[in-house]
Amino acid sequence: AVSHAICLYEHDEEAKQQLFRYGFGMRCVDA
């Protein structure tokens, strides 16, 4: 698997920032 996707909560900034540092970018949103 070379495409890695992880669903985080909108307000979990600490987890998002950590994964951004590991090369992740945002793609999908649930509202």
PDB file of all heavy atoms in Angstrom:
ATOM      1  N   ALA A   1       0.839  -1.195   0.000  1.00  0.00           N
ATOM      2  CA  ALA A   1       0.000   0.000   0.000  1.00  0.00           C
ATOM      3  C   ALA A   1       0.880   1.253   0.000  1.00  0.00           C
ATOM      4  O   ALA A   1       1.674   1.456   0.923  1.00  0.00           O
ATOM      5  CB  ALA A   1      -0.922   0.016   1.208  1.00  0.00           C
ATOM      6  N   VAL A   2       0.699   2.090  -1.019  1.00  0.00           N
ATOM      7  CA  VAL A   2       1.498   3.321  -1.120  1.00  0.00           C
ATOM      8  C   VAL A   2       0.653   4.576  -0.907  1.00  0.00           C
ATOM      9  O   VAL A   2       1.184   5.675  -0.807  1.00  0.00           O
ATOM     10  CB  VAL A   2       2.218   3.412  -2.480  1.00  0.00           C
ATOM     11  CG1 VAL A   2       3.220   2.284  -2.627  1.00  0.00           C
ATOM     12  CG2 VAL A   2       1.210   3.402  -3.640  1.00  0.00           C
ATOM     13  N   SER A   3      -0.668   4.426  -0.845  1.00  0.00           N
ATOM     14  CA  SER A   3      -1.563   5.543  -0.534  1.00  0.00           C
ATOM     15  C   SER A   3      -2.096   5.338   0.872  1.00  0.00           C
ATOM     16  O   SER A   3      -2.814   4.368   1.141  1.00  0.00           O
ATOM     17  CB  SER A   3      -2.724   5.599  -1.539  1.00  0.00           C
ATOM     18  OG  SER A   3      -3.627   6.628  -1.203  1.00  0.00           O
ATOM     19  N   HIS A   4      -1.733   6.237   1.778  1.00  0.00           N
ATOM     20  CA  HIS A   4      -2.095   6.113   3.189  1.00  0.00           C
ATOM     21  C   HIS A   4      -3.072   7.231   3.560  1.00  0.00           C
ATOM     22  O   HIS A   4      -2.733   8.413   3.433  1.00  0.00           O
ATOM     23  CB  HIS A   4      -0.858   6.214   4.078  1.00  0.00           C
ATOM     24  CG  HIS A   4       0.191   5.197   3.765  1.00  0.00           C
ATOM     25  ND1 HIS A   4       1.457   5.232   4.319  1.00  0.00           N
ATOM     26  CD2 HIS A   4       0.174   4.096   2.952  1.00  0.00           C
ATOM     27  CE1 HIS A   4       2.163   4.220   3.855  1.00  0.00           C
ATOM     28  NE2 HIS A   4       1.402   3.512   3.021  1.00  0.00           N
ATOM     29  N   ALA A   5      -4.262   6.888   4.012  1.00  0.00           N
ATOM     30  CA  ALA A   5      -5.273   7.883   4.385  1.00  0.00           C
ATOM     31  C   ALA A   5      -5.736   7.635   5.817  1.00  0.00           C
ATOM     32  O   ALA A   5      -6.007   6.490   6.199  1.00  0.00           O
ATOM     33  CB  ALA A   5      -6.458   7.823   3.430  1.00  0.00           C
ATOM     34  N   ILE A   6      -5.815   8.712   6.581  1.00  0.00           N
ATOM     35  CA  ILE A   6      -6.214   8.627   7.991  1.00  0.00           C
ATOM     36  C   ILE A   6      -7.251   9.710   8.257  1.00  0.00           C
ATOM     37  O   ILE A   6      -7.013  10.885   7.979  1.00  0.00           O
ATOM     38  CB  ILE A   6      -5.008   8.798   8.933  1.00  0.00           C
ATOM     39  CG1 ILE A   6      -3.956   7.716   8.656  1.00  0.00           C
ATOM     40  CG2 ILE A   6      -5.457   8.751  10.390  1.00  0.00           C
ATOM     41  CD1 ILE A   6      -2.667   7.898   9.456  1.00  0.00           C
ATOM     42  N   CYS A   7      -8.388   9.324   8.801  1.00  0.00           N
ATOM     43  CA  CYS A   7      -9.458  10.266   9.121  1.00  0.00           C
ATOM     44  C   CYS A   7      -9.261  10.792  10.542  1.00  0.00           C
ATOM     45  O   CYS A   7      -9.302  10.024  11.512  1.00  0.00           O
ATOM     46  CB  CYS A   7     -10.819   9.584   8.986  1.00  0.00           C
ATOM     47  SG  CYS A   7     -12.212  10.683   9.278  1.00  0.00           S
ATOM     48  N   LEU A   8      -9.043  12.090  10.660  1.00  0.00           N
ATOM     49  CA  LEU A   8      -8.876  12.756  11.946  1.00  0.00           C
ATOM     50  C   LEU A   8     -10.044  13.705  12.178  1.00  0.00           C
ATOM     51  O   LEU A   8     -10.735  14.098  11.237  1.00  0.00           O
ATOM     52  CB  LEU A   8      -7.562  13.550  11.960  1.00  0.00           C
ATOM     53  CG  LEU A   8      -6.282  12.763  11.678  1.00  0.00           C
ATOM     54  CD1 LEU A   8      -5.105  13.712  11.555  1.00  0.00           C
ATOM     55  CD2 LEU A   8      -6.024  11.737  12.784  1.00  0.00           C
ATOM     56  N   TYR A   9     -10.235  14.091  13.418  1.00  0.00           N
ATOM     57  CA  TYR A   9     -11.284  15.056  13.700  1.00  0.00           C
ATOM     58  C   TYR A   9     -10.835  16.463  13.326  1.00  0.00           C
ATOM     59  O   TYR A   9      -9.650  16.803  13.408  1.00  0.00           O
ATOM     60  CB  TYR A   9     -11.687  14.987  15.171  1.00  0.00           C
ATOM     61  CG  TYR A   9     -12.459  13.737  15.494  1.00  0.00           C
ATOM     62  CD1 TYR A   9     -11.912  12.737  16.297  1.00  0.00           C
ATOM     63  CD2 TYR A   9     -13.747  13.544  14.985  1.00  0.00           C
ATOM     64  CE1 TYR A   9     -12.614  11.580  16.583  1.00  0.00           C
ATOM     65  CE2 TYR A   9     -14.456  12.390  15.258  1.00  0.00           C
ATOM     66  CZ  TYR A   9     -13.889  11.410  16.056  1.00  0.00           C
ATOM     67  OH  TYR A   9     -14.592  10.262  16.314  1.00  0.00           O
ATOM     68  N   GLU A  10     -11.789  17.265  12.908  1.00  0.00           N
ATOM     69  CA  GLU A  10     -11.536  18.634  12.464  1.00  0.00           C
ATOM     70  C   GLU A  10     -10.715  19.429  13.472  1.00  0.00           C
ATOM     71  O   GLU A  10      -9.814  20.186  13.105  1.00  0.00           O
ATOM     72  CB  GLU A  10     -12.885  19.327  12.216  1.00  0.00           C
ATOM     73  CG  GLU A  10     -12.871  20.840  12.200  1.00  0.00           C
ATOM     74  CD  GLU A  10     -12.343  21.433  10.907  1.00  0.00           C
ATOM     75  OE1 GLU A  10     -12.139  20.680   9.939  1.00  0.00           O
ATOM     76  OE2 GLU A  10     -12.136  22.662  10.880  1.00  0.00           O
ATOM     77  N   HIS A  11     -10.986  19.243  14.766  1.00  0.00           N
ATOM     78  CA  HIS A  11     -10.336  20.065  15.782  1.00  0.00           C
ATOM     79  C   HIS A  11      -9.164  19.368  16.473  1.00  0.00           C
ATOM     80  O   HIS A  11      -8.679  19.855  17.496  1.00  0.00           O
ATOM     81  CB  HIS A  11     -11.374  20.520  16.809  1.00  0.00           C
ATOM     82  CG  HIS A  11     -12.400  21.449  16.219  1.00  0.00           C
ATOM     83  ND1 HIS A  11     -13.578  20.987  15.656  1.00  0.00           N
ATOM     84  CD2 HIS A  11     -12.392  22.797  16.060  1.00  0.00           C
ATOM     85  CE1 HIS A  11     -14.269  22.019  15.198  1.00  0.00           C
ATOM     86  NE2 HIS A  11     -13.580  23.126  15.422  1.00  0.00           N
ATOM     87  N   ASP A  12      -8.698  18.257  15.901  1.00  0.00           N
ATOM     88  CA  ASP A  12      -7.515  17.589  16.449  1.00  0.00           C
ATOM     89  C   ASP A  12      -6.271  18.156  15.755  1.00  0.00           C
ATOM     90  O   ASP A  12      -5.632  17.496  14.938  1.00  0.00           O
ATOM     91  CB  ASP A  12      -7.609  16.078  16.248  1.00  0.00           C
ATOM     92  CG  ASP A  12      -6.530  15.320  17.013  1.00  0.00           C
ATOM     93  OD1 ASP A  12      -5.613  15.970  17.551  1.00  0.00           O
ATOM     94  OD2 ASP A  12      -6.610  14.078  17.069  1.00  0.00           O
ATOM     95  N   GLU A  13      -5.932  19.386  16.075  1.00  0.00           N
ATOM     96  CA  GLU A  13      -4.834  20.074  15.398  1.00  0.00           C
ATOM     97  C   GLU A  13      -3.486  19.421  15.653  1.00  0.00           C
ATOM     98  O   GLU A  13      -2.623  19.388  14.776  1.00  0.00           O
ATOM     99  CB  GLU A  13      -4.790  21.543  15.813  1.00  0.00           C
ATOM    100  CG  GLU A  13      -5.908  22.375  15.240  1.00  0.00           C
ATOM    101  CD  GLU A  13      -5.859  22.432  13.720  1.00  0.00           C
ATOM    102  OE1 GLU A  13      -4.754  22.376  13.148  1.00  0.00           O
ATOM    103  OE2 GLU A  13      -6.938  22.513  13.101  1.00  0.00           O
ATOM    104  N   GLU A  14      -3.285  18.890  16.838  1.00  0.00           N
ATOM    105  CA  GLU A  14      -1.975  18.314  17.163  1.00  0.00           C
ATOM    106  C   GLU A  14      -1.688  17.084  16.311  1.00  0.00           C
ATOM    107  O   GLU A  14      -0.577  16.921  15.786  1.00  0.00           O
ATOM    108  CB  GLU A  14      -1.906  17.962  18.650  1.00  0.00           C
ATOM    109  CG  GLU A  14      -0.494  17.670  19.130  1.00  0.00           C
ATOM    110  CD  GLU A  14      -0.380  17.555  20.639  1.00  0.00           C
ATOM    111  OE1 GLU A  14      -1.344  17.909  21.346  1.00  0.00           O
ATOM    112  OE2 GLU A  14       0.684  17.102  21.118  1.00  0.00           O
ATOM    113  N   ALA A  15      -2.696  16.217  16.138  1.00  0.00           N
ATOM    114  CA  ALA A  15      -2.507  15.029  15.296  1.00  0.00           C
ATOM    115  C   ALA A  15      -2.313  15.443  13.843  1.00  0.00           C
ATOM    116  O   ALA A  15      -1.452  14.897  13.137  1.00  0.00           O
ATOM    117  CB  ALA A  15      -3.701  14.091  15.426  1.00  0.00           C
ATOM    118  N   LYS A  16      -3.092  16.418  13.381  1.00  0.00           N
ATOM    119  CA  LYS A  16      -2.952  16.866  11.990  1.00  0.00           C
ATOM    120  C   LYS A  16      -1.564  17.440  11.734  1.00  0.00           C
ATOM    121  O   LYS A  16      -0.921  17.117  10.724  1.00  0.00           O
ATOM    122  CB  LYS A  16      -4.033  17.899  11.654  1.00  0.00           C
ATOM    123  CG  LYS A  16      -5.405  17.294  11.436  1.00  0.00           C
ATOM    124  CD  LYS A  16      -6.365  18.282  10.801  1.00  0.00           C
ATOM    125  CE  LYS A  16      -6.819  19.329  11.779  1.00  0.00           C
ATOM    126  NZ  LYS A  16      -7.857  20.223  11.201  1.00  0.00           N
ATOM    127  N   GLN A  17      -1.097  18.279  12.627  1.00  0.00           N
ATOM    128  CA  GLN A  17       0.214  18.892  12.424  1.00  0.00           C
ATOM    129  C   GLN A  17       1.320  17.846  12.422  1.00  0.00           C
ATOM    130  O   GLN A  17       2.287  17.943  11.658  1.00  0.00           O
ATOM    131  CB  GLN A  17       0.478  19.950  13.503  1.00  0.00           C
ATOM    132  CG  GLN A  17      -0.372  21.191  13.360  1.00  0.00           C
ATOM    133  CD  GLN A  17      -0.182  21.865  12.017  1.00  0.00           C
ATOM    134  OE1 GLN A  17       0.937  21.985  11.511  1.00  0.00           O
ATOM    135  NE2 GLN A  17      -1.279  22.322  11.425  1.00  0.00           N
ATOM    136  N   GLN A  18       1.196  16.819  13.269  1.00  0.00           N
ATOM    137  CA  GLN A  18       2.206  15.761  13.289  1.00  0.00           C
ATOM    138  C   GLN A  18       2.222  15.009  11.960  1.00  0.00           C
ATOM    139  O   GLN A  18       3.290  14.758  11.390  1.00  0.00           O
ATOM    140  CB  GLN A  18       1.931  14.787  14.434  1.00  0.00           C
ATOM    141  CG  GLN A  18       2.894  13.599  14.475  1.00  0.00           C
ATOM    142  CD  GLN A  18       4.343  14.030  14.600  1.00  0.00           C
ATOM    143  OE1 GLN A  18       4.699  14.738  15.536  1.00  0.00           O
ATOM    144  NE2 GLN A  18       5.189  13.624  13.672  1.00  0.00           N
ATOM    145  N   LEU A  19       1.043  14.670  11.450  1.00  0.00           N
ATOM    146  CA  LEU A  19       1.004  13.940  10.190  1.00  0.00           C
ATOM    147  C   LEU A  19       1.379  14.822   9.007  1.00  0.00           C
ATOM    148  O   LEU A  19       1.954  14.339   8.029  1.00  0.00           O
ATOM    149  CB  LEU A  19      -0.373  13.308   9.999  1.00  0.00           C
ATOM    150  CG  LEU A  19      -0.681  12.172  10.993  1.00  0.00           C
ATOM    151  CD1 LEU A  19      -2.067  11.601  10.756  1.00  0.00           C
ATOM    152  CD2 LEU A  19       0.356  11.061  10.922  1.00  0.00           C
ATOM    153  N   PHE A  20       1.093  16.113   9.079  1.00  0.00           N
ATOM    154  CA  PHE A  20       1.574  17.029   8.036  1.00  0.00           C
ATOM    155  C   PHE A  20       3.102  16.998   7.978  1.00  0.00           C
ATOM    156  O   PHE A  20       3.702  17.026   6.904  1.00  0.00           O
ATOM    157  CB  PHE A  20       1.097  18.450   8.296  1.00  0.00           C
ATOM    158  CG  PHE A  20      -0.378  18.673   8.078  1.00  0.00           C
ATOM    159  CD1 PHE A  20      -1.006  19.797   8.591  1.00  0.00           C
ATOM    160  CD2 PHE A  20      -1.144  17.758   7.369  1.00  0.00           C
ATOM    161  CE1 PHE A  20      -2.360  20.006   8.400  1.00  0.00           C
ATOM    162  CE2 PHE A  20      -2.504  17.954   7.176  1.00  0.00           C
ATOM    163  CZ  PHE A  20      -3.112  19.091   7.695  1.00  0.00           C
ATOM    164  N   ARG A  21       3.738  16.925   9.148  1.00  0.00           N
ATOM    165  CA  ARG A  21       5.210  16.860   9.176  1.00  0.00           C
ATOM    166  C   ARG A  21       5.723  15.555   8.588  1.00  0.00           C
ATOM    167  O   ARG A  21       6.882  15.468   8.177  1.00  0.00           O
ATOM    168  CB  ARG A  21       5.718  17.030  10.619  1.00  0.00           C
ATOM    169  CG  ARG A  21       5.600  18.453  11.149  1.00  0.00           C
ATOM    170  CD  ARG A  21       6.374  18.634  12.438  1.00  0.00           C
ATOM    171  NE  ARG A  21       5.730  17.964  13.559  1.00  0.00           N
ATOM    172  CZ  ARG A  21       4.804  18.520  14.332  1.00  0.00           C
ATOM    173  NH1 ARG A  21       4.379  19.749  14.083  1.00  0.00           N
ATOM    174  NH2 ARG A  21       4.286  17.860  15.346  1.00  0.00           N
ATOM    175  N   TYR A  22       4.871  14.548   8.550  1.00  0.00           N
ATOM    176  CA  TYR A  22       5.254  13.258   7.970  1.00  0.00           C
ATOM    177  C   TYR A  22       4.821  13.136   6.509  1.00  0.00           C
ATOM    178  O   TYR A  22       4.779  12.038   5.961  1.00  0.00           O
ATOM    179  CB  TYR A  22       4.645  12.122   8.794  1.00  0.00           C
ATOM    180  CG  TYR A  22       5.485  11.717   9.995  1.00  0.00           C
ATOM    181  CD1 TYR A  22       6.609  12.461  10.383  1.00  0.00           C
ATOM    182  CD2 TYR A  22       5.167  10.593  10.743  1.00  0.00           C
ATOM    183  CE1 TYR A  22       7.362  12.087  11.477  1.00  0.00           C
ATOM    184  CE2 TYR A  22       5.929  10.217  11.841  1.00  0.00           C
ATOM    185  CZ  TYR A  22       7.021  10.970  12.204  1.00  0.00           C
ATOM    186  OH  TYR A  22       7.769  10.594  13.298  1.00  0.00           O
ATOM    187  N   GLY A  23       4.486  14.245   5.886  1.00  0.00           N
ATOM    188  CA  GLY A  23       4.214  14.235   4.456  1.00  0.00           C
ATOM    189  C   GLY A  23       2.766  14.095   4.060  1.00  0.00           C
ATOM    190  O   GLY A  23       2.463  13.931   2.873  1.00  0.00           O
ATOM    191  N   PHE A  24       1.851  14.167   5.011  1.00  0.00           N
ATOM    192  CA  PHE A  24       0.435  14.084   4.699  1.00  0.00           C
ATOM    193  C   PHE A  24      -0.103  15.450   4.291  1.00  0.00           C
ATOM    194  O   PHE A  24       0.422  16.491   4.674  1.00  0.00           O
ATOM    195  CB  PHE A  24      -0.364  13.600   5.916  1.00  0.00           C
ATOM    196  CG  PHE A  24      -0.266  12.122   6.185  1.00  0.00           C
ATOM    197  CD1 PHE A  24       0.867  11.592   6.802  1.00  0.00           C
ATOM    198  CD2 PHE A  24      -1.294  11.253   5.839  1.00  0.00           C
ATOM    199  CE1 PHE A  24       0.964  10.232   7.076  1.00  0.00           C
ATOM    200  CE2 PHE A  24      -1.201   9.901   6.103  1.00  0.00           C
ATOM    201  CZ  PHE A  24      -0.074   9.392   6.720  1.00  0.00           C
ATOM    202  N   GLY A  25      -1.181  15.429   3.525  1.00  0.00           N
ATOM    203  CA  GLY A  25      -1.929  16.635   3.200  1.00  0.00           C
ATOM    204  C   GLY A  25      -3.412  16.349   3.299  1.00  0.00           C
ATOM    205  O   GLY A  25      -3.847  15.195   3.193  1.00  0.00           O
ATOM    206  N   MET A  26      -4.214  17.392   3.513  1.00  0.00           N
ATOM    207  CA  MET A  26      -5.648  17.194   3.627  1.00  0.00           C
ATOM    208  C   MET A  26      -6.253  16.891   2.262  1.00  0.00           C
ATOM    209  O   MET A  26      -5.831  17.433   1.243  1.00  0.00           O
ATOM    210  CB  MET A  26      -6.305  18.429   4.232  1.00  0.00           C
ATOM    211  CG  MET A  26      -7.757  18.207   4.629  1.00  0.00           C
ATOM    212  SD  MET A  26      -8.593  19.730   5.145  1.00  0.00           S
ATOM    213  CE  MET A  26      -7.502  20.280   6.453  1.00  0.00           C
ATOM    214  N   ARG A  27      -7.290  16.035   2.253  1.00  0.00           N
ATOM    215  CA  ARG A  27      -7.955  15.712   0.998  1.00  0.00           C
ATOM    216  C   ARG A  27      -9.479  15.683   1.127  1.00  0.00           C
ATOM    217  O   ARG A  27     -10.168  16.169   0.240  1.00  0.00           O
ATOM    218  CB  ARG A  27      -7.455  14.368   0.466  1.00  0.00           C
ATOM    219  CG  ARG A  27      -8.300  13.854  -0.689  1.00  0.00           C
ATOM    220  CD  ARG A  27      -7.533  13.147  -1.728  1.00  0.00           C
ATOM    221  NE  ARG A  27      -8.421  12.724  -2.812  1.00  0.00           N
ATOM    222  CZ  ARG A  27      -7.995  12.221  -3.947  1.00  0.00           C
ATOM    223  NH1 ARG A  27      -6.713  12.091  -4.170  1.00  0.00           N
ATOM    224  NH2 ARG A  27      -8.851  11.858  -4.880  1.00  0.00           N
ATOM    225  N   CYS A  28     -10.003  15.088   2.191  1.00  0.00           N
ATOM    226  CA  CYS A  28     -11.454  14.899   2.297  1.00  0.00           C
ATOM    227  C   CYS A  28     -11.989  15.468   3.605  1.00  0.00           C
ATOM    228  O   CYS A  28     -11.276  15.514   4.617  1.00  0.00           O
ATOM    229  CB  CYS A  28     -11.813  13.417   2.221  1.00  0.00           C
ATOM    230  SG  CYS A  28     -11.202  12.590   0.734  1.00  0.00           S
ATOM    231  N   VAL A  29     -13.246  15.885   3.569  1.00  0.00           N
ATOM    232  CA  VAL A  29     -13.899  16.488   4.727  1.00  0.00           C
ATOM    233  C   VAL A  29     -15.302  15.890   4.854  1.00  0.00           C
ATOM    234  O   VAL A  29     -16.005  15.706   3.863  1.00  0.00           O
ATOM    235  CB  VAL A  29     -14.012  18.016   4.571  1.00  0.00           C
ATOM    236  CG1 VAL A  29     -14.728  18.638   5.775  1.00  0.00           C
ATOM    237  CG2 VAL A  29     -12.639  18.648   4.383  1.00  0.00           C
ATOM    238  N   ASP A  30     -15.713  15.598   6.097  1.00  0.00           N
ATOM    239  CA  ASP A  30     -17.099  15.260   6.401  1.00  0.00           C
ATOM    240  C   ASP A  30     -17.690  16.413   7.190  1.00  0.00           C
ATOM    241  O   ASP A  30     -17.033  16.971   8.084  1.00  0.00           O
ATOM    242  CB  ASP A  30     -17.182  13.982   7.242  1.00  0.00           C
ATOM    243  CG  ASP A  30     -16.806  12.749   6.453  1.00  0.00           C
ATOM    244  OD1 ASP A  30     -17.610  12.327   5.610  1.00  0.00           O
ATOM    245  OD2 ASP A  30     -15.708  12.215   6.680  1.00  0.00           O
ATOM    246  N   ALA A  31     -18.931  16.789   6.860  1.00  0.00           N
ATOM    247  CA  ALA A  31     -19.567  17.921   7.520  1.00  0.00           C
ATOM    248  C   ALA A  31     -21.041  17.619   7.767  1.00  0.00           C
ATOM    249  O   ALA A  31     -21.626  16.729   7.141  1.00  0.00           O
ATOM    250  CB  ALA A  31     -19.416  19.185   6.674  1.00  0.00           C
TER     251      ALA A  31
END
